[in-house]
Amino acid sequence: MKLEFGFGTTVQTVELPDENVMDVLHANQVEHELMGEEEVRRALSQPVGAPLLSEVVKPGEKIAIVTSDITRPMPTYVVMPPLLDALYDAGIKKEDITLVFALGSHRMHTPEEMKKLAGERAYEEITCMDGDASDCVHMGTTSHGTPVDVVRVVAEADRRICLGNIEYHYFAGYSGGAKAIMPGVSTRDAIQSNHSQMVKPEACAGRLEGNPVREDIEEAGQICGIDYIVNVVLDEHKKVIMAAAGDAVKAHREACRFLDRIYRKEIPERADIVLVSQGGAPKDLNLYQTQKALDNAKHAVKKGGIIILIGSCKEGLGEHVFEEWMTKSPSAESMIPRIQEDFQLGGHKAAAIAMVLENAEIYLVSDLEDDFVRGIFLEPKASAQEALDCAFEKLGKDAKVLAMPYGGSTLPFAAE
């Protein structure tokens, strides 16, 4: 069998016997009737686990809408027109609505970026602002000990509506839902407390129940109070193909189930060798982005197996904190306790790579220098074919292979 994997603007090709190939994972095709604003309007007219929005909000109340910042693909500009119409129909005045961009620990936006995110109509009709983590209200503490310190404009609103898009998240299970509050409009101390649990095995992509990070997020959401959510699922072109509105947990779960129908891939067992790529440029410009495919691949590889990560990474590691952790840590395993004691964005992805290395070797096919790759605890290979040949040599000619040509978008689940 001949397999191709995106590598920058080119491809890496491998050939191997058919009998060694367990499966080649691609996204499932799922039928959907409506898209974009029409689908959002449908969701608002058919809320999940909650009454219509008009029965929740009351005239004169201050409404805070919390949405994603520029680092996320959430198309706020698609959701806002139907949402504003629903609020206006309920008697809410424009001056009582504030759209808050959930920065987490990211930088603030320019006015032009805010307008692009919100859409021209929302930007002109209502107040749009960045969440200011330096001005928060303490609302309580979760059972894990995470402080629920929420940006003041959100904490002091009469009603809170959270927006988000649903994707797999490698330690919160899925994005969306109460993540708009925690970490979206929370303090750095709160984020560190919550994210420090990422090292627990139950904190993994596709898992909600029993996931300590997600449970802490949703407890924080309950303490803060989320009156409504509007979450969307996007296709590979970043278009809205499904929306769920209503209860912060029940509507979120419905959107997660829809995501699973597209991107969750059941496999009979874990493979000895996993070949994985982000699909080429621009998703493999650096290792920081390519790590997403690696983290999905870890769910498909046997303990003691080999993951062959195929990504150009021509721009290097891609993030300065990530680079500092990867290049200056004395060992891969040292990054795991470090992230528990000193959570740092960027460092968390380095620790995630270290956790993969606890169970499997990683062969990296990239444009990075070999010595540099060895210095960041990975094994460099000149081509995907060379990497596969070396993997067979180590694990035996009967080793089973799983291929993930679009590893960032497909999440394997082993039956075992």
Protein backbone atom coordinates (compact mmCIF):
# COMPACT_ATOMS: atom_id res chain seq x y z
CA MET A 1 0.00 0.00 0.00
CA LYS A 2 1.15 3.52 -0.81
CA LEU A 3 0.28 6.30 1.64
CA GLU A 4 0.78 10.06 1.35
CA PHE A 5 1.14 12.61 4.13
CA GLY A 6 1.17 16.38 3.80
CA PHE A 7 4.57 17.89 4.56
CA GLY A 8 4.70 21.66 4.19
CA THR A 9 3.69 22.33 0.58
CA THR A 10 4.86 18.87 -0.51
CA VAL A 11 4.10 15.27 0.48
CA GLN A 12 5.91 12.43 2.17
CA THR A 13 5.16 9.00 0.70
CA VAL A 14 5.54 5.57 2.26
CA GLU A 15 5.01 2.09 0.89
CA LEU A 16 4.32 -0.94 3.06
CA PRO A 17 2.56 -4.32 2.79
CA ASP A 18 -1.24 -4.17 2.91
CA GLU A 19 -1.34 -6.77 5.67
CA ASN A 20 0.53 -4.42 8.03
CA VAL A 21 -2.02 -1.61 7.66
CA MET A 22 -4.61 -1.64 10.42
CA ASP A 23 -6.48 1.43 9.12
CA VAL A 24 -6.17 4.86 7.51
CA LEU A 25 -8.23 7.41 9.45
CA HIS A 26 -10.24 10.14 7.71
CA ALA A 27 -13.11 12.31 8.96
CA ASN A 28 -16.60 10.85 8.54
CA GLN A 29 -19.08 12.53 6.22
CA VAL A 30 -22.11 13.70 8.22
CA GLU A 31 -25.30 15.07 6.67
CA HIS A 32 -26.51 18.48 7.79
CA GLU A 33 -29.39 20.58 6.50
CA LEU A 34 -28.56 24.13 7.58
CA MET A 35 -25.35 26.13 7.85
CA GLY A 36 -24.15 29.43 9.25
CA GLU A 37 -26.65 31.91 10.66
CA GLU A 38 -29.62 29.75 9.65
CA GLU A 39 -28.33 26.89 11.79
CA VAL A 40 -27.72 29.25 14.72
CA ARG A 41 -31.30 30.57 14.43
CA ARG A 42 -32.58 27.00 14.41
CA ALA A 43 -30.60 26.20 17.56
CA LEU A 44 -31.95 29.27 19.37
CA SER A 45 -35.50 28.23 18.43
CA GLN A 46 -34.90 24.67 19.69
CA PRO A 47 -32.81 25.06 22.85
CA VAL A 48 -31.39 22.04 24.66
CA GLY A 49 -32.22 21.63 28.33
CA ALA A 50 -33.46 25.20 28.68
CA PRO A 51 -36.42 27.41 27.73
CA LEU A 52 -36.26 29.92 24.91
CA LEU A 53 -33.86 32.77 25.52
CA SER A 54 -36.82 35.17 25.71
CA GLU A 55 -37.97 33.30 28.83
CA VAL A 56 -34.56 33.58 30.49
CA VAL A 57 -33.60 37.24 30.03
CA LYS A 58 -35.76 40.18 31.15
CA PRO A 59 -35.88 43.82 29.97
CA GLY A 60 -33.54 46.02 31.96
CA GLU A 61 -31.05 43.26 32.74
CA LYS A 62 -27.37 43.66 31.93
CA ILE A 63 -26.25 40.92 29.54
CA ALA A 64 -22.61 39.78 29.18
CA ILE A 65 -21.86 37.65 26.14
CA VAL A 66 -18.50 35.90 26.47
CA THR A 67 -16.80 34.71 23.30
CA SER A 68 -13.43 33.46 22.07
CA ASP A 69 -10.42 35.60 21.24
CA ILE A 70 -8.47 35.75 18.00
CA THR A 71 -6.49 32.58 18.73
CA ARG A 72 -9.61 30.45 18.25
CA PRO A 73 -11.59 29.71 15.06
CA MET A 74 -14.92 30.60 16.71
CA PRO A 75 -16.95 32.61 14.11
CA THR A 76 -18.54 35.05 16.56
CA TYR A 77 -19.60 37.23 13.63
CA VAL A 78 -21.89 34.40 12.45
CA VAL A 79 -23.51 33.81 15.85
CA MET A 80 -24.06 37.43 16.88
CA PRO A 81 -26.80 38.53 14.41
CA PRO A 82 -29.24 35.72 15.39
CA LEU A 83 -28.33 36.13 19.06
CA LEU A 84 -28.83 39.89 19.00
CA ASP A 85 -32.19 39.47 17.27
CA ALA A 86 -33.28 37.03 19.98
CA LEU A 87 -32.20 39.43 22.73
CA TYR A 88 -33.90 42.42 21.12
CA ASP A 89 -37.08 40.39 20.66
CA ALA A 90 -36.97 39.70 24.40
CA GLY A 91 -36.90 43.43 25.11
CA ILE A 92 -33.20 43.79 25.86
CA LYS A 93 -31.76 47.18 24.88
CA LYS A 94 -28.53 47.52 22.91
CA GLU A 95 -26.91 49.56 25.67
CA ASP A 96 -27.45 46.70 28.13
CA ILE A 97 -25.43 44.16 26.09
CA THR A 98 -21.65 43.77 26.29
CA LEU A 99 -19.62 41.36 24.16
CA VAL A 100 -16.54 40.27 26.11
CA PHE A 101 -13.60 38.58 24.41
CA ALA A 102 -12.21 35.81 26.61
CA LEU A 103 -8.46 36.35 26.55
CA GLY A 104 -7.37 33.77 29.10
CA SER A 105 -3.72 34.78 29.33
CA HIS A 106 -3.45 35.95 25.71
CA ARG A 107 -2.75 39.48 24.49
CA MET A 108 -5.40 42.16 24.03
CA HIS A 109 -6.98 42.88 20.63
CA THR A 110 -6.72 45.90 18.40
CA PRO A 111 -10.02 47.65 17.55
CA GLU A 112 -9.75 46.24 14.02
CA GLU A 113 -9.41 42.70 15.39
CA MET A 114 -12.43 43.18 17.65
CA LYS A 115 -14.51 44.39 14.72
CA LYS A 116 -13.44 41.41 12.61
CA LEU A 117 -14.27 38.95 15.38
CA ALA A 118 -17.59 40.47 16.42
CA GLY A 119 -18.79 41.33 12.94
CA GLU A 120 -19.65 44.83 11.80
CA ARG A 121 -23.22 44.80 13.10
CA ALA A 122 -22.39 43.75 16.66
CA TYR A 123 -19.37 46.04 16.78
CA GLU A 124 -21.53 49.04 15.87
CA GLU A 125 -24.62 48.19 17.93
CA ILE A 126 -23.25 47.03 21.30
CA THR A 127 -20.20 47.46 23.53
CA CYS A 128 -17.33 45.15 22.60
CA MET A 129 -14.37 44.80 24.94
CA ASP A 130 -11.54 42.54 26.03
CA GLY A 131 -11.79 40.77 29.35
CA ASP A 132 -9.45 42.42 31.84
CA ALA A 133 -7.97 39.79 34.15
CA SER A 134 -6.51 42.53 36.36
CA ASP A 135 -10.04 43.57 37.37
CA CYS A 136 -11.85 40.51 38.69
CA VAL A 137 -14.45 39.58 41.27
CA HIS A 138 -13.90 36.59 43.58
CA MET A 139 -17.05 34.45 43.30
CA GLY A 140 -15.96 31.34 45.17
CA THR A 141 -13.61 28.36 45.06
CA THR A 142 -14.06 24.96 43.41
CA SER A 143 -13.70 21.72 45.34
CA HIS A 144 -10.30 21.30 43.69
CA GLY A 145 -9.23 24.63 45.19
CA THR A 146 -9.40 26.66 41.99
CA PRO A 147 -10.35 30.29 42.71
CA VAL A 148 -13.33 31.47 40.68
CA ASP A 149 -12.05 34.98 40.02
CA VAL A 150 -14.00 36.33 37.04
CA VAL A 151 -13.57 39.50 34.99
CA ARG A 152 -15.77 42.16 36.63
CA VAL A 153 -18.00 43.01 33.65
CA VAL A 154 -18.93 39.32 33.40
CA ALA A 155 -19.22 38.67 37.14
CA GLU A 156 -21.48 41.68 37.74
CA ALA A 157 -23.81 41.08 34.77
CA ASP A 158 -27.37 39.96 35.44
CA ARG A 159 -27.12 37.28 32.73
CA ARG A 160 -24.15 35.50 31.18
CA ILE A 161 -24.25 33.92 27.72
CA CYS A 162 -21.20 31.90 26.64
CA LEU A 163 -20.22 31.27 23.02
CA GLY A 164 -17.68 28.83 21.65
CA ASN A 165 -16.82 26.30 19.00
CA ILE A 166 -16.47 22.62 19.79
CA GLU A 167 -13.18 20.86 19.07
CA TYR A 168 -11.29 18.12 20.84
CA HIS A 169 -9.10 19.54 23.56
CA TYR A 170 -6.16 17.45 24.61
CA PHE A 171 -6.70 17.79 28.35
CA ALA A 172 -10.14 19.41 28.83
CA GLY A 173 -11.77 16.75 26.64
CA TYR A 174 -13.52 19.23 24.37
CA SER A 175 -13.52 22.99 23.99
CA GLY A 176 -16.69 25.04 24.46
CA GLY A 177 -19.25 25.17 27.24
CA ALA A 178 -17.98 26.65 30.50
CA LYS A 179 -14.47 27.06 29.07
CA ALA A 180 -15.57 30.58 28.12
CA ILE A 181 -15.52 31.34 31.86
CA MET A 182 -12.63 29.11 32.95
CA PRO A 183 -10.06 29.88 31.63
CA GLY A 184 -11.62 32.46 29.28
CA VAL A 185 -12.34 35.30 31.73
CA SER A 186 -10.39 34.04 34.73
CA THR A 187 -7.15 35.08 36.41
CA ARG A 188 -3.79 33.50 35.72
CA ASP A 189 -3.77 31.89 39.18
CA ALA A 190 -7.14 30.29 38.45
CA ILE A 191 -5.95 29.05 35.05
CA GLN A 192 -2.80 27.61 36.59
CA SER A 193 -4.79 25.79 39.28
CA ASN A 194 -7.20 24.33 36.74
CA HIS A 195 -4.65 23.41 34.08
CA SER A 196 -2.21 21.85 36.53
CA GLN A 197 -4.46 18.79 36.51
CA MET A 198 -3.62 18.14 32.84
CA VAL A 199 -1.00 15.57 33.89
CA LYS A 200 -3.65 13.16 35.18
CA PRO A 201 -4.44 10.33 32.74
CA GLU A 202 -8.18 11.08 32.86
CA ALA A 203 -7.49 14.57 31.48
CA CYS A 204 -7.49 13.69 27.81
CA ALA A 205 -9.12 14.48 24.48
CA GLY A 206 -12.67 13.22 24.01
CA ARG A 207 -13.28 12.55 27.71
CA LEU A 208 -15.77 14.53 29.76
CA GLU A 209 -16.96 12.34 32.63
CA GLY A 210 -14.23 11.80 35.18
CA ASN A 211 -11.96 14.36 33.50
CA PRO A 212 -10.63 16.48 36.40
CA VAL A 213 -9.91 19.51 34.22
CA ARG A 214 -13.37 19.56 32.61
CA GLU A 215 -15.13 18.90 35.94
CA ASP A 216 -13.25 21.79 37.55
CA ILE A 217 -14.16 24.02 34.59
CA GLU A 218 -17.84 23.18 34.91
CA GLU A 219 -17.86 23.63 38.67
CA ALA A 220 -16.37 27.09 38.13
CA GLY A 221 -19.11 27.75 35.57
CA GLN A 222 -21.77 26.74 38.09
CA ILE A 223 -20.30 29.00 40.77
CA CYS A 224 -20.12 31.94 38.38
CA GLY A 225 -23.50 31.14 36.81
CA ILE A 226 -23.97 30.58 33.07
CA ASP A 227 -27.49 31.36 31.90
CA TYR A 228 -27.14 30.21 28.29
CA ILE A 229 -24.62 28.96 25.78
CA VAL A 230 -24.44 28.94 22.01
CA ASN A 231 -21.82 26.44 20.80
CA VAL A 232 -21.07 25.57 17.19
CA VAL A 233 -19.31 22.78 15.29
CA LEU A 234 -17.26 23.76 12.26
CA ASP A 235 -16.36 21.80 9.14
CA GLU A 236 -12.86 21.67 7.68
CA HIS A 237 -13.52 25.03 5.99
CA LYS A 238 -14.41 26.62 9.35
CA LYS A 239 -18.09 26.94 8.40
CA VAL A 240 -20.85 26.39 11.00
CA ILE A 241 -22.59 23.09 10.26
CA MET A 242 -24.19 22.53 13.67
CA ALA A 243 -25.18 24.73 16.60
CA ALA A 244 -26.52 23.94 20.06
CA ALA A 245 -28.05 26.55 22.37
CA GLY A 246 -29.39 26.35 25.90
CA ASP A 247 -28.12 24.76 29.11
CA ALA A 248 -24.39 25.14 29.72
CA VAL A 249 -23.86 21.39 30.10
CA LYS A 250 -26.68 19.74 28.15
CA ALA A 251 -26.30 21.86 25.00
CA HIS A 252 -22.53 21.46 25.19
CA ARG A 253 -22.86 17.68 25.32
CA GLU A 254 -25.14 17.66 22.27
CA ALA A 255 -22.54 19.57 20.26
CA CYS A 256 -19.81 17.21 21.50
CA ARG A 257 -21.82 14.21 20.33
CA PHE A 258 -22.16 15.76 16.88
CA LEU A 259 -18.41 16.40 16.75
CA ASP A 260 -17.82 12.74 17.59
CA ARG A 261 -19.91 11.67 14.61
CA ILE A 262 -17.45 13.47 12.34
CA TYR A 263 -14.05 13.10 13.94
CA ARG A 264 -14.16 10.24 16.48
CA LYS A 265 -12.68 7.08 14.94
CA GLU A 266 -13.11 3.72 16.62
CA ILE A 267 -10.18 1.34 16.15
CA PRO A 268 -10.13 -2.34 17.22
CA GLU A 269 -6.85 -2.02 19.10
CA ARG A 270 -3.80 0.17 19.42
CA ALA A 271 -1.13 -0.07 16.74
CA ASP A 272 2.58 -0.76 17.07
CA ILE A 273 3.38 2.12 14.73
CA VAL A 274 1.35 5.29 14.09
CA LEU A 275 2.12 7.49 11.10
CA VAL A 276 0.65 10.94 11.67
CA SER A 277 0.67 14.33 9.95
CA GLN A 278 -1.19 17.61 10.38
CA GLY A 279 -1.86 17.50 6.64
CA GLY A 280 0.84 19.92 5.55
CA ALA A 281 1.01 23.71 5.38
CA PRO A 282 0.02 25.89 7.12
CA LYS A 283 -0.77 23.50 9.98
CA ASP A 284 2.77 22.14 10.25
CA LEU A 285 4.70 25.43 10.12
CA ASN A 286 6.16 24.75 13.56
CA LEU A 287 6.25 22.07 16.23
CA TYR A 288 3.87 24.03 18.47
CA GLN A 289 1.12 23.54 15.88
CA THR A 290 2.18 20.04 14.84
CA GLN A 291 1.94 18.87 18.47
CA LYS A 292 -1.85 18.68 18.13
CA ALA A 293 -1.55 15.77 15.69
CA LEU A 294 0.93 14.07 18.00
CA ASP A 295 -1.41 14.32 20.94
CA ASN A 296 -4.25 12.69 19.01
CA ALA A 297 -1.91 9.96 17.78
CA LYS A 298 -0.97 8.98 21.32
CA HIS A 299 -4.42 7.42 21.73
CA ALA A 300 -3.66 4.96 18.93
CA VAL A 301 -0.20 3.67 19.82
CA LYS A 302 0.65 0.70 22.03
CA LYS A 303 2.85 1.16 25.06
CA GLY A 304 6.40 0.71 23.78
CA GLY A 305 5.34 1.59 20.24
CA ILE A 306 6.54 4.29 17.86
CA ILE A 307 4.83 7.44 16.61
CA ILE A 308 6.19 8.81 13.36
CA LEU A 309 5.35 12.52 13.39
CA ILE A 310 5.50 14.05 9.92
CA GLY A 311 5.60 17.84 9.78
CA SER A 312 7.86 20.39 8.12
CA CYS A 313 8.24 22.67 11.17
CA LYS A 314 10.26 24.94 8.87
CA GLU A 315 9.69 27.89 11.22
CA GLY A 316 11.09 25.99 14.19
CA LEU A 317 9.33 25.44 17.49
CA GLY A 318 6.93 28.36 17.11
CA GLU A 319 6.48 29.75 20.64
CA HIS A 320 9.09 31.16 22.99
CA VAL A 321 7.98 29.51 26.26
CA PHE A 322 7.55 26.17 24.49
CA GLU A 323 11.04 26.57 23.00
CA GLU A 324 12.58 27.39 26.38
CA TRP A 325 11.06 24.28 27.97
CA MET A 326 11.97 21.99 25.07
CA THR A 327 15.56 23.20 24.69
CA LYS A 328 16.58 23.88 28.30
CA SER A 329 14.93 21.12 30.30
CA PRO A 330 17.44 18.52 31.55
CA SER A 331 15.18 15.67 30.44
CA ALA A 332 11.75 15.11 28.96
CA GLU A 333 10.41 13.59 32.16
CA SER A 334 11.47 16.64 34.20
CA MET A 335 8.84 18.74 32.42
CA ILE A 336 5.94 16.75 33.90
CA PRO A 337 6.37 17.70 37.58
CA ARG A 338 7.41 21.18 36.47
CA ILE A 339 4.06 21.82 34.77
CA GLN A 340 2.24 20.80 37.97
CA GLU A 341 4.22 23.26 40.04
CA ASP A 342 4.57 26.08 37.51
CA PHE A 343 1.92 26.00 34.80
CA GLN A 344 2.95 28.12 31.82
CA LEU A 345 1.21 28.41 28.50
CA GLY A 346 3.67 27.04 25.99
CA GLY A 347 5.26 24.91 28.66
CA HIS A 348 2.06 22.87 28.79
CA LYS A 349 2.64 21.65 25.23
CA ALA A 350 6.20 20.68 26.07
CA ALA A 351 4.90 18.70 29.04
CA ALA A 352 2.30 17.09 26.78
CA ILE A 353 5.09 15.84 24.49
CA ALA A 354 6.94 14.52 27.54
CA MET A 355 3.84 12.57 28.58
CA VAL A 356 3.67 10.93 25.15
CA LEU A 357 7.34 9.98 25.48
CA GLU A 358 6.54 8.08 28.70
CA ASN A 359 4.77 5.46 26.59
CA ALA A 360 6.19 5.63 23.05
CA GLU A 361 9.16 6.78 21.02
CA ILE A 362 8.66 9.70 18.65
CA TYR A 363 10.41 9.76 15.29
CA LEU A 364 10.23 13.26 13.79
CA VAL A 365 10.33 13.79 10.03
CA SER A 366 10.88 17.53 9.62
CA ASP A 367 13.04 20.27 8.19
CA LEU A 368 14.76 20.77 11.54
CA GLU A 369 18.44 19.93 12.04
CA ASP A 370 19.07 16.42 13.35
CA ASP A 371 21.13 17.51 16.36
CA PHE A 372 18.46 20.03 17.32
CA VAL A 373 15.76 17.34 17.15
CA ARG A 374 17.79 15.03 19.37
CA GLY A 375 18.26 17.94 21.78
CA ILE A 376 14.48 18.16 22.23
CA PHE A 377 14.21 14.45 23.06
CA LEU A 378 12.93 13.25 19.66
CA GLU A 379 14.52 10.96 17.08
CA PRO A 380 15.16 12.66 13.71
CA LYS A 381 14.50 10.83 10.45
CA ALA A 382 15.19 12.07 6.93
CA SER A 383 11.94 10.80 5.43
CA ALA A 384 8.72 9.08 6.41
CA GLN A 385 9.85 5.97 4.56
CA GLU A 386 13.15 5.87 6.44
CA ALA A 387 11.28 6.34 9.72
CA LEU A 388 8.89 3.51 8.90
CA ASP A 389 11.72 1.20 7.87
CA CYS A 390 13.52 1.91 11.15
CA ALA A 391 10.32 1.29 13.10
CA PHE A 392 9.83 -2.09 11.39
CA GLU A 393 13.45 -2.94 12.07
CA LYS A 394 12.95 -2.25 15.78
CA LEU A 395 9.45 -3.70 16.28
CA GLY A 396 9.49 -6.51 13.72
CA LYS A 397 8.18 -7.03 10.19
CA ASP A 398 4.71 -8.00 11.49
CA ALA A 399 4.18 -4.70 13.32
CA LYS A 400 0.71 -3.21 12.79
CA VAL A 401 0.51 0.32 11.37
CA LEU A 402 -2.19 2.97 11.73
CA ALA A 403 -2.11 6.02 9.46
CA MET A 404 -3.52 9.44 10.37
CA PRO A 405 -2.99 11.78 7.37
CA TYR A 406 -4.98 14.57 9.10
CA GLY A 407 -4.04 13.84 12.67
CA GLY A 408 -5.19 17.14 14.12
CA SER A 409 -8.77 16.46 13.06
CA THR A 410 -9.22 12.76 13.80
CA LEU A 411 -9.30 11.28 17.27
CA PRO A 412 -8.84 7.51 17.56
CA PHE A 413 -10.47 5.46 20.32
CA ALA A 414 -9.25 1.93 20.90
CA ALA A 415 -11.78 -0.73 21.86
CA GLU A 416 -9.49 -2.00 24.61
